[in-house]
């Protein structure tokens, strides 16, 4: 006689919406895939196109070759396309590519390009520029690299904002990395505005719509669940911020994982509710993988909690627009 099957404990999964890929990530991945289709293998990509190993490995399998610097591309492949990642690059990078007679495609997210343009405008107007962001992040390196060295001062924390001393009597202006915590950034901005009432703010919020929407969805769910999982890469700024937001919103067991195999089950033994979201560079298949892993151990019911609708799309580079007719409703590079 067979042993009775153990009854699985019940688990309610609250699924954040929006979650996962944003328009900038969709566009960047599409640029690599269409370049491979149009120009053949290999296509080179400077830096991870987006911060997700699963995505990068998938593109490698299709023929993309990832490098950190242009001098890693063999001289006899200088005629092959090279793509700049969604995070943006300093102006020195396309200049270097041009000096090497390389053909390049720019997959910089248009919302990052917007911040680049803001920096250039402030510089032309002789303002002293502050960039709120994280040192070493590719987006910050790219944004600071739009202007001569020493032109932009990086502000990472509220302590930095309190300690900052202007270099001159020029008007101050601030810009921000697009993937920051809304609450952290608000605290820094409040300090700067209190100290420097005339500081010039972005015409439109620099933290992108996708970052904002994903953080708001987490805030709606985190206080209601026993644990929260964010699917994303450890080097993904927006994914790290989602985990922090969940914790601050009241969910003490908030973890960031790359995929289901990374789950530490000892942290989820006694839960009856789970919040689940994904960073803007994490594909939906990894979310489904996590749900399936929990379904092996729990009797899972999934409810989606939607806090915003997203319909935005971005134009492809002109070199690739003949590869697809799906351009309806697309935004130009500086539209957002």
C-alpha atoms as a PDB file:
ATOM      1  CA  UNK A   1       0.000   0.000   0.000  1.00  0.00           C
ATOM      2  CA  UNK A   2       1.479   3.359  -1.035  1.00  0.00           C
ATOM      3  CA  UNK A   3       2.187   6.090   1.470  1.00  0.00           C
ATOM      4  CA  UNK A   4      -0.350   8.953   1.479  1.00  0.00           C
ATOM      5  CA  UNK A   5       0.878  12.035  -0.315  1.00  0.00           C
ATOM      6  CA  UNK A   6       1.815  14.839   2.075  1.00  0.00           C
ATOM      7  CA  UNK A   7      -0.472  17.854   1.892  1.00  0.00           C
ATOM      8  CA  UNK A   8       1.418  20.900   0.685  1.00  0.00           C
ATOM      9  CA  UNK A   9       1.067  24.056   2.758  1.00  0.00           C
ATOM     10  CA  UNK A  10      -0.915  26.826   1.078  1.00  0.00           C
ATOM     11  CA  UNK A  11       0.915  29.841  -0.295  1.00  0.00           C
ATOM     12  CA  UNK A  12      -0.528  33.006  -1.779  1.00  0.00           C
ATOM     13  CA  UNK A  13       1.818  34.681  -4.240  1.00  0.00           C
ATOM     14  CA  UNK A  14       1.168  38.372  -4.850  1.00  0.00           C
ATOM     15  CA  UNK A  15       2.704  39.196  -8.196  1.00  0.00           C
ATOM     16  CA  UNK A  16       3.750  42.791  -8.766  1.00  0.00           C
ATOM     17  CA  UNK A  17       2.645  44.513 -11.937  1.00  0.00           C
ATOM     18  CA  UNK A  18       4.434  46.200 -13.573  1.00  0.00           C
ATOM     19  CA  UNK A  19       7.569  44.072 -13.222  1.00  0.00           C
ATOM     20  CA  UNK A  20      10.416  42.890 -15.418  1.00  0.00           C
ATOM     21  CA  UNK A  21      11.464  44.301 -18.773  1.00  0.00           C
ATOM     22  CA  UNK A  22      11.001  48.006 -19.434  1.00  0.00           C
ATOM     23  CA  UNK A  23      10.926  49.689 -22.839  1.00  0.00           C
ATOM     24  CA  UNK A  24      14.628  50.601 -22.707  1.00  0.00           C
ATOM     25  CA  UNK A  25      15.664  47.017 -21.973  1.00  0.00           C
ATOM     26  CA  UNK A  26      13.315  45.656 -24.657  1.00  0.00           C
ATOM     27  CA  UNK A  27      14.851  48.054 -27.159  1.00  0.00           C
ATOM     28  CA  UNK A  28      18.448  47.209 -26.220  1.00  0.00           C
ATOM     29  CA  UNK A  29      17.923  43.456 -26.530  1.00  0.00           C
ATOM     30  CA  UNK A  30      16.065  43.933 -29.800  1.00  0.00           C
ATOM     31  CA  UNK A  31      18.968  45.972 -31.170  1.00  0.00           C
ATOM     32  CA  UNK A  32      21.387  43.086 -30.539  1.00  0.00           C
ATOM     33  CA  UNK A  33      19.015  40.488 -31.998  1.00  0.00           C
ATOM     34  CA  UNK A  34      18.219  42.535 -35.101  1.00  0.00           C
ATOM     35  CA  UNK A  35      21.893  43.378 -35.637  1.00  0.00           C
ATOM     36  CA  UNK A  36      22.692  39.661 -35.598  1.00  0.00           C
ATOM     37  CA  UNK A  37      19.888  39.040 -38.073  1.00  0.00           C
ATOM     38  CA  UNK A  38      20.965  41.852 -40.399  1.00  0.00           C
ATOM     39  CA  UNK A  39      24.754  41.660 -40.193  1.00  0.00           C
ATOM     40  CA  UNK A  40      25.368  38.056 -39.129  1.00  0.00           C
ATOM     41  CA  UNK A  41      27.717  36.706 -36.479  1.00  0.00           C
ATOM     42  CA  UNK A  42      29.585  37.963 -34.605  1.00  0.00           C
ATOM     43  CA  UNK A  43      28.166  41.211 -33.280  1.00  0.00           C
ATOM     44  CA  UNK A  44      30.190  42.801 -30.484  1.00  0.00           C
ATOM     45  CA  UNK A  45      28.610  44.404 -27.417  1.00  0.00           C
ATOM     46  CA  UNK A  46      30.533  46.725 -25.123  1.00  0.00           C
ATOM     47  CA  UNK A  47      29.631  45.832 -21.541  1.00  0.00           C
ATOM     48  CA  UNK A  48      26.571  43.726 -20.637  1.00  0.00           C
ATOM     49  CA  UNK A  49      23.738  44.990 -22.845  1.00  0.00           C
ATOM     50  CA  UNK A  50      21.566  44.888 -19.707  1.00  0.00           C
ATOM     51  CA  UNK A  51      22.457  43.611 -16.241  1.00  0.00           C
ATOM     52  CA  UNK A  52      21.115  40.068 -16.433  1.00  0.00           C
ATOM     53  CA  UNK A  53      23.214  36.928 -16.913  1.00  0.00           C
ATOM     54  CA  UNK A  54      20.327  34.926 -18.396  1.00  0.00           C
ATOM     55  CA  UNK A  55      19.791  37.590 -21.079  1.00  0.00           C
ATOM     56  CA  UNK A  56      23.499  37.954 -21.786  1.00  0.00           C
ATOM     57  CA  UNK A  57      24.028  34.193 -22.053  1.00  0.00           C
ATOM     58  CA  UNK A  58      21.064  33.928 -24.426  1.00  0.00           C
ATOM     59  CA  UNK A  59      22.535  36.591 -26.701  1.00  0.00           C
ATOM     60  CA  UNK A  60      25.966  34.924 -26.556  1.00  0.00           C
ATOM     61  CA  UNK A  61      24.353  31.717 -27.816  1.00  0.00           C
ATOM     62  CA  UNK A  62      22.966  33.658 -30.780  1.00  0.00           C
ATOM     63  CA  UNK A  63      26.366  35.085 -31.709  1.00  0.00           C
ATOM     64  CA  UNK A  64      26.898  38.206 -29.588  1.00  0.00           C
ATOM     65  CA  UNK A  65      30.401  38.685 -28.170  1.00  0.00           C
ATOM     66  CA  UNK A  66      30.643  40.805 -25.022  1.00  0.00           C
ATOM     67  CA  UNK A  67      33.700  42.944 -24.303  1.00  0.00           C
ATOM     68  CA  UNK A  68      34.464  45.574 -21.699  1.00  0.00           C
ATOM     69  CA  UNK A  69      36.586  47.779 -23.946  1.00  0.00           C
ATOM     70  CA  UNK A  70      36.847  48.297 -27.693  1.00  0.00           C
ATOM     71  CA  UNK A  71      40.495  47.227 -27.812  1.00  0.00           C
ATOM     72  CA  UNK A  72      39.355  43.679 -26.973  1.00  0.00           C
ATOM     73  CA  UNK A  73      37.810  43.415 -30.455  1.00  0.00           C
ATOM     74  CA  UNK A  74      40.265  41.749 -32.846  1.00  0.00           C
ATOM     75  CA  UNK A  75      41.720  44.094 -35.441  1.00  0.00           C
ATOM     76  CA  UNK A  76      40.462  41.895 -38.273  1.00  0.00           C
ATOM     77  CA  UNK A  77      36.908  42.256 -36.871  1.00  0.00           C
ATOM     78  CA  UNK A  78      36.915  46.049 -36.817  1.00  0.00           C
ATOM     79  CA  UNK A  79      34.298  46.025 -39.566  1.00  0.00           C
ATOM     80  CA  UNK A  80      31.845  44.051 -37.407  1.00  0.00           C
ATOM     81  CA  UNK A  81      29.069  45.983 -35.617  1.00  0.00           C
ATOM     82  CA  UNK A  82      29.693  46.993 -32.021  1.00  0.00           C
ATOM     83  CA  UNK A  83      26.764  47.899 -29.778  1.00  0.00           C
ATOM     84  CA  UNK A  84      26.892  50.194 -26.748  1.00  0.00           C
ATOM     85  CA  UNK A  85      24.872  48.991 -23.760  1.00  0.00           C
ATOM     86  CA  UNK A  86      21.579  50.396 -22.479  1.00  0.00           C
ATOM     87  CA  UNK A  87      23.393  52.132 -19.603  1.00  0.00           C
ATOM     88  CA  UNK A  88      25.086  54.647 -21.897  1.00  0.00           C
ATOM     89  CA  UNK A  89      28.760  55.390 -22.475  1.00  0.00           C
ATOM     90  CA  UNK A  90      31.104  58.359 -22.083  1.00  0.00           C
ATOM     91  CA  UNK A  91      31.602  60.454 -25.216  1.00  0.00           C
ATOM     92  CA  UNK A  92      35.124  59.078 -25.436  1.00  0.00           C
ATOM     93  CA  UNK A  93      33.772  55.642 -26.411  1.00  0.00           C
ATOM     94  CA  UNK A  94      32.051  56.552 -29.715  1.00  0.00           C
ATOM     95  CA  UNK A  95      34.990  58.840 -30.429  1.00  0.00           C
ATOM     96  CA  UNK A  96      37.330  55.874 -29.948  1.00  0.00           C
ATOM     97  CA  UNK A  97      35.134  53.712 -32.164  1.00  0.00           C
ATOM     98  CA  UNK A  98      35.228  56.383 -34.851  1.00  0.00           C
ATOM     99  CA  UNK A  99      39.011  56.610 -34.704  1.00  0.00           C
ATOM    100  CA  UNK A 100      39.141  52.839 -35.282  1.00  0.00           C
ATOM    101  CA  UNK A 101      36.689  53.099 -38.220  1.00  0.00           C
ATOM    102  CA  UNK A 102      34.236  50.882 -36.332  1.00  0.00           C
ATOM    103  CA  UNK A 103      30.555  50.672 -37.189  1.00  0.00           C
ATOM    104  CA  UNK A 104      28.603  51.095 -33.964  1.00  0.00           C
ATOM    105  CA  UNK A 105      24.989  51.053 -32.822  1.00  0.00           C
ATOM    106  CA  UNK A 106      23.954  52.895 -29.674  1.00  0.00           C
ATOM    107  CA  UNK A 107      21.510  50.982 -27.444  1.00  0.00           C
ATOM    108  CA  UNK A 108      21.571  53.632 -24.708  1.00  0.00           C
ATOM    109  CA  UNK A 109      18.126  53.880 -23.118  1.00  0.00           C
ATOM    110  CA  UNK A 110      16.473  57.071 -24.381  1.00  0.00           C
ATOM    111  CA  UNK A 111      15.713  58.059 -20.793  1.00  0.00           C
ATOM    112  CA  UNK A 112      19.429  57.897 -19.997  1.00  0.00           C
ATOM    113  CA  UNK A 113      20.107  59.943 -23.129  1.00  0.00           C
ATOM    114  CA  UNK A 114      17.670  62.524 -21.731  1.00  0.00           C
ATOM    115  CA  UNK A 115      19.876  62.896 -18.639  1.00  0.00           C
ATOM    116  CA  UNK A 116      22.947  63.245 -20.891  1.00  0.00           C
ATOM    117  CA  UNK A 117      21.236  66.091 -22.750  1.00  0.00           C
ATOM    118  CA  UNK A 118      20.300  67.784 -19.481  1.00  0.00           C
ATOM    119  CA  UNK A 119      23.936  67.676 -18.363  1.00  0.00           C
ATOM    120  CA  UNK A 120      25.054  69.249 -21.624  1.00  0.00           C
ATOM    121  CA  UNK A 121      22.444  72.011 -21.346  1.00  0.00           C
ATOM    122  CA  UNK A 122      23.490  72.853 -17.781  1.00  0.00           C
ATOM    123  CA  UNK A 123      27.129  72.935 -18.899  1.00  0.00           C
ATOM    124  CA  UNK A 124      26.339  75.298 -21.785  1.00  0.00           C
ATOM    125  CA  UNK A 125      24.526  77.564 -19.341  1.00  0.00           C
ATOM    126  CA  UNK A 126      27.612  77.604 -17.105  1.00  0.00           C
ATOM    127  CA  UNK A 127      25.977  75.854 -14.171  1.00  0.00           C
ATOM    128  CA  UNK A 128      27.810  73.750 -11.610  1.00  0.00           C
ATOM    129  CA  UNK A 129      26.375  70.237 -11.961  1.00  0.00           C
ATOM    130  CA  UNK A 130      25.639  67.628  -9.286  1.00  0.00           C
ATOM    131  CA  UNK A 131      24.812  64.059 -10.244  1.00  0.00           C
ATOM    132  CA  UNK A 132      22.914  61.976  -7.683  1.00  0.00           C
ATOM    133  CA  UNK A 133      23.912  58.368  -8.252  1.00  0.00           C
ATOM    134  CA  UNK A 134      26.145  55.426  -7.358  1.00  0.00           C
ATOM    135  CA  UNK A 135      29.890  55.575  -8.008  1.00  0.00           C
ATOM    136  CA  UNK A 136      31.123  53.022 -10.506  1.00  0.00           C
ATOM    137  CA  UNK A 137      27.749  52.231 -12.049  1.00  0.00           C
ATOM    138  CA  UNK A 138      28.002  52.233 -15.871  1.00  0.00           C
ATOM    139  CA  UNK A 139      25.196  54.772 -16.177  1.00  0.00           C
ATOM    140  CA  UNK A 140      26.973  57.184 -13.835  1.00  0.00           C
ATOM    141  CA  UNK A 141      30.269  56.692 -15.669  1.00  0.00           C
ATOM    142  CA  UNK A 142      28.501  57.367 -18.960  1.00  0.00           C
ATOM    143  CA  UNK A 143      26.700  60.466 -17.711  1.00  0.00           C
ATOM    144  CA  UNK A 144      29.777  62.013 -16.114  1.00  0.00           C
ATOM    145  CA  UNK A 145      31.665  61.193 -19.301  1.00  0.00           C
ATOM    146  CA  UNK A 146      29.448  63.467 -21.377  1.00  0.00           C
ATOM    147  CA  UNK A 147      31.382  66.466 -20.046  1.00  0.00           C
ATOM    148  CA  UNK A 148      35.028  67.315 -19.352  1.00  0.00           C
ATOM    149  CA  UNK A 149      36.572  65.616 -16.333  1.00  0.00           C
ATOM    150  CA  UNK A 150      35.829  67.422 -13.080  1.00  0.00           C
ATOM    151  CA  UNK A 151      32.734  69.140 -14.436  1.00  0.00           C
ATOM    152  CA  UNK A 152      30.219  66.951 -12.569  1.00  0.00           C
ATOM    153  CA  UNK A 153      30.248  66.272  -8.811  1.00  0.00           C
ATOM    154  CA  UNK A 154      28.804  62.926  -7.706  1.00  0.00           C
ATOM    155  CA  UNK A 155      26.457  62.921  -4.702  1.00  0.00           C
ATOM    156  CA  UNK A 156      25.771  59.408  -3.371  1.00  0.00           C
ATOM    157  CA  UNK A 157      24.258  59.970   0.067  1.00  0.00           C
ATOM    158  CA  UNK A 158      22.535  62.506   2.289  1.00  0.00           C
ATOM    159  CA  UNK A 159      25.877  62.951   4.041  1.00  0.00           C
ATOM    160  CA  UNK A 160      27.413  63.918   0.681  1.00  0.00           C
ATOM    161  CA  UNK A 161      24.619  66.437   0.133  1.00  0.00           C
ATOM    162  CA  UNK A 162      25.231  67.980   3.559  1.00  0.00           C
ATOM    163  CA  UNK A 163      29.008  68.147   3.051  1.00  0.00           C
ATOM    164  CA  UNK A 164      29.013  69.458  -0.523  1.00  0.00           C
ATOM    165  CA  UNK A 165      30.601  72.850  -1.031  1.00  0.00           C
ATOM    166  CA  UNK A 166      30.165  74.661  -4.354  1.00  0.00           C
ATOM    167  CA  UNK A 167      33.354  75.222  -6.305  1.00  0.00           C
ATOM    168  CA  UNK A 168      32.306  78.680  -7.535  1.00  0.00           C
ATOM    169  CA  UNK A 169      29.551  81.252  -7.416  1.00  0.00           C
ATOM    170  CA  UNK A 170      27.826  79.718 -10.439  1.00  0.00           C
ATOM    171  CA  UNK A 171      24.238  78.533 -10.296  1.00  0.00           C
ATOM    172  CA  UNK A 172      23.838  74.909  -9.212  1.00  0.00           C
ATOM    173  CA  UNK A 173      21.857  72.215 -11.033  1.00  0.00           C
ATOM    174  CA  UNK A 174      21.283  68.541 -10.280  1.00  0.00           C
ATOM    175  CA  UNK A 175      20.549  65.475 -12.371  1.00  0.00           C
ATOM    176  CA  UNK A 176      20.088  61.869 -11.251  1.00  0.00           C
ATOM    177  CA  UNK A 177      20.788  58.306 -12.239  1.00  0.00           C
ATOM    178  CA  UNK A 178      17.584  56.825 -13.671  1.00  0.00           C
ATOM    179  CA  UNK A 179      17.437  53.708 -11.459  1.00  0.00           C
ATOM    180  CA  UNK A 180      17.625  55.128  -7.927  1.00  0.00           C
ATOM    181  CA  UNK A 181      15.374  54.649  -4.917  1.00  0.00           C
ATOM    182  CA  UNK A 182      12.692  57.316  -5.035  1.00  0.00           C
ATOM    183  CA  UNK A 183      12.779  57.763  -1.264  1.00  0.00           C
ATOM    184  CA  UNK A 184      16.579  57.929  -0.995  1.00  0.00           C
ATOM    185  CA  UNK A 185      16.759  60.445  -3.809  1.00  0.00           C
ATOM    186  CA  UNK A 186      13.985  62.581  -2.324  1.00  0.00           C
ATOM    187  CA  UNK A 187      15.947  62.834   0.930  1.00  0.00           C
ATOM    188  CA  UNK A 188      19.090  63.959  -0.899  1.00  0.00           C
ATOM    189  CA  UNK A 189      17.168  66.463  -3.016  1.00  0.00           C
ATOM    190  CA  UNK A 190      15.437  67.913   0.071  1.00  0.00           C
ATOM    191  CA  UNK A 191      18.824  68.603   1.640  1.00  0.00           C
ATOM    192  CA  UNK A 192      20.179  70.223  -1.509  1.00  0.00           C
ATOM    193  CA  UNK A 193      17.088  72.392  -1.914  1.00  0.00           C
ATOM    194  CA  UNK A 194      17.216  73.478   1.707  1.00  0.00           C
ATOM    195  CA  UNK A 195      20.892  74.410   1.404  1.00  0.00           C
ATOM    196  CA  UNK A 196      20.646  75.854  -2.106  1.00  0.00           C
ATOM    197  CA  UNK A 197      17.089  77.133  -2.743  1.00  0.00           C
ATOM    198  CA  UNK A 198      17.945  78.262  -6.285  1.00  0.00           C
ATOM    199  CA  UNK A 199      19.315  74.885  -7.447  1.00  0.00           C
ATOM    200  CA  UNK A 200      17.905  73.923 -10.847  1.00  0.00           C
ATOM    201  CA  UNK A 201      15.955  70.654 -10.899  1.00  0.00           C
ATOM    202  CA  UNK A 202      15.339  68.407 -13.931  1.00  0.00           C
ATOM    203  CA  UNK A 203      12.539  69.677 -16.166  1.00  0.00           C
ATOM    204  CA  UNK A 204      11.012  66.215 -15.844  1.00  0.00           C
ATOM    205  CA  UNK A 205      11.939  63.626 -13.198  1.00  0.00           C
ATOM    206  CA  UNK A 206      15.155  61.780 -14.125  1.00  0.00           C
ATOM    207  CA  UNK A 207      14.273  58.565 -12.266  1.00  0.00           C
ATOM    208  CA  UNK A 208      12.594  56.664 -15.070  1.00  0.00           C
ATOM    209  CA  UNK A 209       8.959  55.621 -15.260  1.00  0.00           C
ATOM    210  CA  UNK A 210       9.859  51.923 -15.016  1.00  0.00           C
ATOM    211  CA  UNK A 211      11.905  52.359 -11.840  1.00  0.00           C
ATOM    212  CA  UNK A 212       9.109  54.434 -10.308  1.00  0.00           C
ATOM    213  CA  UNK A 213       6.355  52.004 -11.275  1.00  0.00           C
ATOM    214  CA  UNK A 214       8.199  48.918 -10.045  1.00  0.00           C
ATOM    215  CA  UNK A 215       9.015  50.529  -6.708  1.00  0.00           C
ATOM    216  CA  UNK A 216       5.409  51.652  -6.208  1.00  0.00           C
ATOM    217  CA  UNK A 217       4.158  48.122  -6.934  1.00  0.00           C
ATOM    218  CA  UNK A 218       6.555  46.719  -4.331  1.00  0.00           C
ATOM    219  CA  UNK A 219       5.394  49.290  -1.768  1.00  0.00           C
ATOM    220  CA  UNK A 220       1.793  48.169  -2.332  1.00  0.00           C
ATOM    221  CA  UNK A 221       2.583  44.500  -1.729  1.00  0.00           C
ATOM    222  CA  UNK A 222       5.494  44.342   0.729  1.00  0.00           C
ATOM    223  CA  UNK A 223       3.498  45.213   3.906  1.00  0.00           C
ATOM    224  CA  UNK A 224       1.001  42.432   3.132  1.00  0.00           C
ATOM    225  CA  UNK A 225       3.354  39.448   2.719  1.00  0.00           C
ATOM    226  CA  UNK A 226       5.630  37.298   4.873  1.00  0.00           C
ATOM    227  CA  UNK A 227       8.493  37.418   2.378  1.00  0.00           C
ATOM    228  CA  UNK A 228       9.441  39.183  -0.838  1.00  0.00           C
ATOM    229  CA  UNK A 229      11.555  37.971  -3.738  1.00  0.00           C
ATOM    230  CA  UNK A 230      13.052  40.275  -6.347  1.00  0.00           C
ATOM    231  CA  UNK A 231      14.291  38.489  -9.458  1.00  0.00           C
ATOM    232  CA  UNK A 232      17.300  40.334 -10.803  1.00  0.00           C
ATOM    233  CA  UNK A 233      21.069  40.515 -11.001  1.00  0.00           C
ATOM    234  CA  UNK A 234      23.251  41.651  -8.083  1.00  0.00           C
ATOM    235  CA  UNK A 235      24.840  44.307 -10.321  1.00  0.00           C
ATOM    236  CA  UNK A 236      21.424  45.648 -11.379  1.00  0.00           C
ATOM    237  CA  UNK A 237      20.838  48.961  -9.605  1.00  0.00           C
ATOM    238  CA  UNK A 238      17.080  48.974 -10.106  1.00  0.00           C
ATOM    239  CA  UNK A 239      16.795  45.389  -8.783  1.00  0.00           C
ATOM    240  CA  UNK A 240      18.846  46.180  -5.683  1.00  0.00           C
ATOM    241  CA  UNK A 241      16.637  49.196  -5.013  1.00  0.00           C
ATOM    242  CA  UNK A 242      13.492  47.024  -5.255  1.00  0.00           C
ATOM    243  CA  UNK A 243      14.806  44.747  -2.525  1.00  0.00           C
ATOM    244  CA  UNK A 244      15.618  47.748  -0.323  1.00  0.00           C
ATOM    245  CA  UNK A 245      12.194  49.280  -0.955  1.00  0.00           C
ATOM    246  CA  UNK A 246      10.468  46.030   0.051  1.00  0.00           C
ATOM    247  CA  UNK A 247      12.438  45.846   3.276  1.00  0.00           C
ATOM    248  CA  UNK A 248      11.724  49.456   4.167  1.00  0.00           C
ATOM    249  CA  UNK A 249       8.033  48.977   3.378  1.00  0.00           C
ATOM    250  CA  UNK A 250       7.805  46.376   6.126  1.00  0.00           C
ATOM    251  CA  UNK A 251       8.828  43.037   4.625  1.00  0.00           C
ATOM    252  CA  UNK A 252      11.896  42.001   6.602  1.00  0.00           C
ATOM    253  CA  UNK A 253      12.531  38.839   4.571  1.00  0.00           C
ATOM    254  CA  UNK A 254      13.276  40.539   1.247  1.00  0.00           C
ATOM    255  CA  UNK A 255      15.799  38.835  -0.993  1.00  0.00           C
ATOM    256  CA  UNK A 256      17.303  39.346  -4.431  1.00  0.00           C
ATOM    257  CA  UNK A 257      17.917  36.222  -6.512  1.00  0.00           C
ATOM    258  CA  UNK A 258      19.006  35.698 -10.093  1.00  0.00           C
ATOM    259  CA  UNK A 259      16.814  32.625 -10.623  1.00  0.00           C
ATOM    260  CA  UNK A 260      15.026  29.783  -8.831  1.00  0.00           C
ATOM    261  CA  UNK A 261      18.201  27.769  -8.224  1.00  0.00           C
ATOM    262  CA  UNK A 262      19.416  30.563  -5.920  1.00  0.00           C
ATOM    263  CA  UNK A 263      16.502  30.272  -3.471  1.00  0.00           C
ATOM    264  CA  UNK A 264      17.571  29.615   0.122  1.00  0.00           C
ATOM    265  CA  UNK A 265      14.564  27.541   1.167  1.00  0.00           C
ATOM    266  CA  UNK A 266      15.361  27.859   4.862  1.00  0.00           C
ATOM    267  CA  UNK A 267      14.151  31.466   4.639  1.00  0.00           C
ATOM    268  CA  UNK A 268      10.734  30.480   3.292  1.00  0.00           C
ATOM    269  CA  UNK A 269       9.773  27.464   5.408  1.00  0.00           C
ATOM    270  CA  UNK A 270       6.935  28.963   7.425  1.00  0.00           C
ATOM    271  CA  UNK A 271       5.461  31.556   5.088  1.00  0.00           C
ATOM    272  CA  UNK A 272       1.873  31.694   3.867  1.00  0.00           C
ATOM    273  CA  UNK A 273       2.251  34.697   1.559  1.00  0.00           C
ATOM    274  CA  UNK A 274       4.977  35.772  -0.848  1.00  0.00           C
ATOM    275  CA  UNK A 275       5.479  38.925  -2.861  1.00  0.00           C
ATOM    276  CA  UNK A 276       7.244  38.521  -6.192  1.00  0.00           C
ATOM    277  CA  UNK A 277       8.637  41.060  -8.627  1.00  0.00           C
ATOM    278  CA  UNK A 278      11.467  41.400 -11.134  1.00  0.00           C
ATOM    279  CA  UNK A 279      13.929  44.130 -11.980  1.00  0.00           C
ATOM    280  CA  UNK A 280      13.686  45.949 -15.295  1.00  0.00           C
ATOM    281  CA  UNK A 281      16.345  43.730 -16.905  1.00  0.00           C
ATOM    282  CA  UNK A 282      14.918  40.371 -15.735  1.00  0.00           C
ATOM    283  CA  UNK A 283      12.858  38.339 -18.232  1.00  0.00           C
ATOM    284  CA  UNK A 284       9.432  36.970 -17.311  1.00  0.00           C
ATOM    285  CA  UNK A 285      10.594  33.386 -17.814  1.00  0.00           C
ATOM    286  CA  UNK A 286      12.672  33.696 -14.625  1.00  0.00           C
ATOM    287  CA  UNK A 287       9.617  34.849 -12.682  1.00  0.00           C
ATOM    288  CA  UNK A 288       7.691  31.839 -13.968  1.00  0.00           C
ATOM    289  CA  UNK A 289      10.606  29.620 -12.935  1.00  0.00           C
ATOM    290  CA  UNK A 290      10.406  30.928  -9.355  1.00  0.00           C
ATOM    291  CA  UNK A 291       6.647  30.361  -9.180  1.00  0.00           C
ATOM    292  CA  UNK A 292       7.140  26.795 -10.447  1.00  0.00           C
ATOM    293  CA  UNK A 293       9.801  26.157  -7.778  1.00  0.00           C
ATOM    294  CA  UNK A 294       7.434  27.275  -5.028  1.00  0.00           C
ATOM    295  CA  UNK A 295       4.637  25.186  -6.565  1.00  0.00           C
ATOM    296  CA  UNK A 296       6.813  22.107  -6.005  1.00  0.00           C
ATOM    297  CA  UNK A 297       6.735  22.777  -2.267  1.00  0.00           C
ATOM    298  CA  UNK A 298       3.493  24.668  -1.703  1.00  0.00           C
ATOM    299  CA  UNK A 299      -0.065  24.711  -2.945  1.00  0.00           C
ATOM    300  CA  UNK A 300       0.282  28.011  -4.753  1.00  0.00           C
ATOM    301  CA  UNK A 301      -2.365  30.529  -5.711  1.00  0.00           C
ATOM    302  CA  UNK A 302      -1.212  33.582  -7.669  1.00  0.00           C
ATOM    303  CA  UNK A 303      -2.860  37.002  -7.540  1.00  0.00           C
ATOM    304  CA  UNK A 304      -1.578  39.909  -9.622  1.00  0.00           C
ATOM    305  CA  UNK A 305      -1.552  43.339  -8.004  1.00  0.00           C
ATOM    306  CA  UNK A 306      -1.375  46.018 -10.690  1.00  0.00           C
ATOM    307  CA  UNK A 307      -0.519  49.582  -9.709  1.00  0.00           C
ATOM    308  CA  UNK A 308       0.226  51.091 -13.145  1.00  0.00           C
ATOM    309  CA  UNK A 309      -0.133  50.462 -16.874  1.00  0.00           C
ATOM    310  CA  UNK A 310       2.885  50.733 -19.169  1.00  0.00           C
ATOM    311  CA  UNK A 311       2.491  51.285 -22.904  1.00  0.00           C
ATOM    312  CA  UNK A 312       5.650  53.222 -23.782  1.00  0.00           C
ATOM    313  CA  UNK A 313       7.980  52.042 -26.569  1.00  0.00           C
ATOM    314  CA  UNK A 314      11.115  53.540 -28.107  1.00  0.00           C
ATOM    315  CA  UNK A 315      12.367  53.892 -31.673  1.00  0.00           C
ATOM    316  CA  UNK A 316      15.147  51.664 -32.916  1.00  0.00           C
ATOM    317  CA  UNK A 317      18.332  53.143 -34.420  1.00  0.00           C
ATOM    318  CA  UNK A 318      17.669  54.128 -38.024  1.00  0.00           C
ATOM    319  CA  UNK A 319      20.060  51.436 -39.271  1.00  0.00           C
ATOM    320  CA  UNK A 320      17.681  48.750 -37.968  1.00  0.00           C
ATOM    321  CA  UNK A 321      14.268  50.254 -38.609  1.00  0.00           C
ATOM    322  CA  UNK A 322      13.927  48.363 -41.885  1.00  0.00           C
ATOM    323  CA  UNK A 323      14.043  45.099 -39.886  1.00  0.00           C
ATOM    324  CA  UNK A 324      10.672  45.539 -38.209  1.00  0.00           C
ATOM    325  CA  UNK A 325       7.416  47.315 -38.844  1.00  0.00           C
ATOM    326  CA  UNK A 326       6.556  47.467 -35.143  1.00  0.00           C
ATOM    327  CA  UNK A 327       7.209  51.157 -34.700  1.00  0.00           C
ATOM    328  CA  UNK A 328       3.698  52.358 -33.925  1.00  0.00           C
ATOM    329  CA  UNK A 329       3.536  54.511 -30.828  1.00  0.00           C
ATOM    330  CA  UNK A 330       7.308  54.621 -30.440  1.00  0.00           C
ATOM    331  CA  UNK A 331       9.015  57.533 -28.714  1.00  0.00           C
ATOM    332  CA  UNK A 332      11.986  59.442 -30.015  1.00  0.00           C
ATOM    333  CA  UNK A 333      15.219  59.451 -28.043  1.00  0.00           C
ATOM    334  CA  UNK A 334      14.529  62.639 -26.103  1.00  0.00           C
ATOM    335  CA  UNK A 335      10.767  62.312 -25.808  1.00  0.00           C
ATOM    336  CA  UNK A 336      10.578  61.183 -22.189  1.00  0.00           C
END
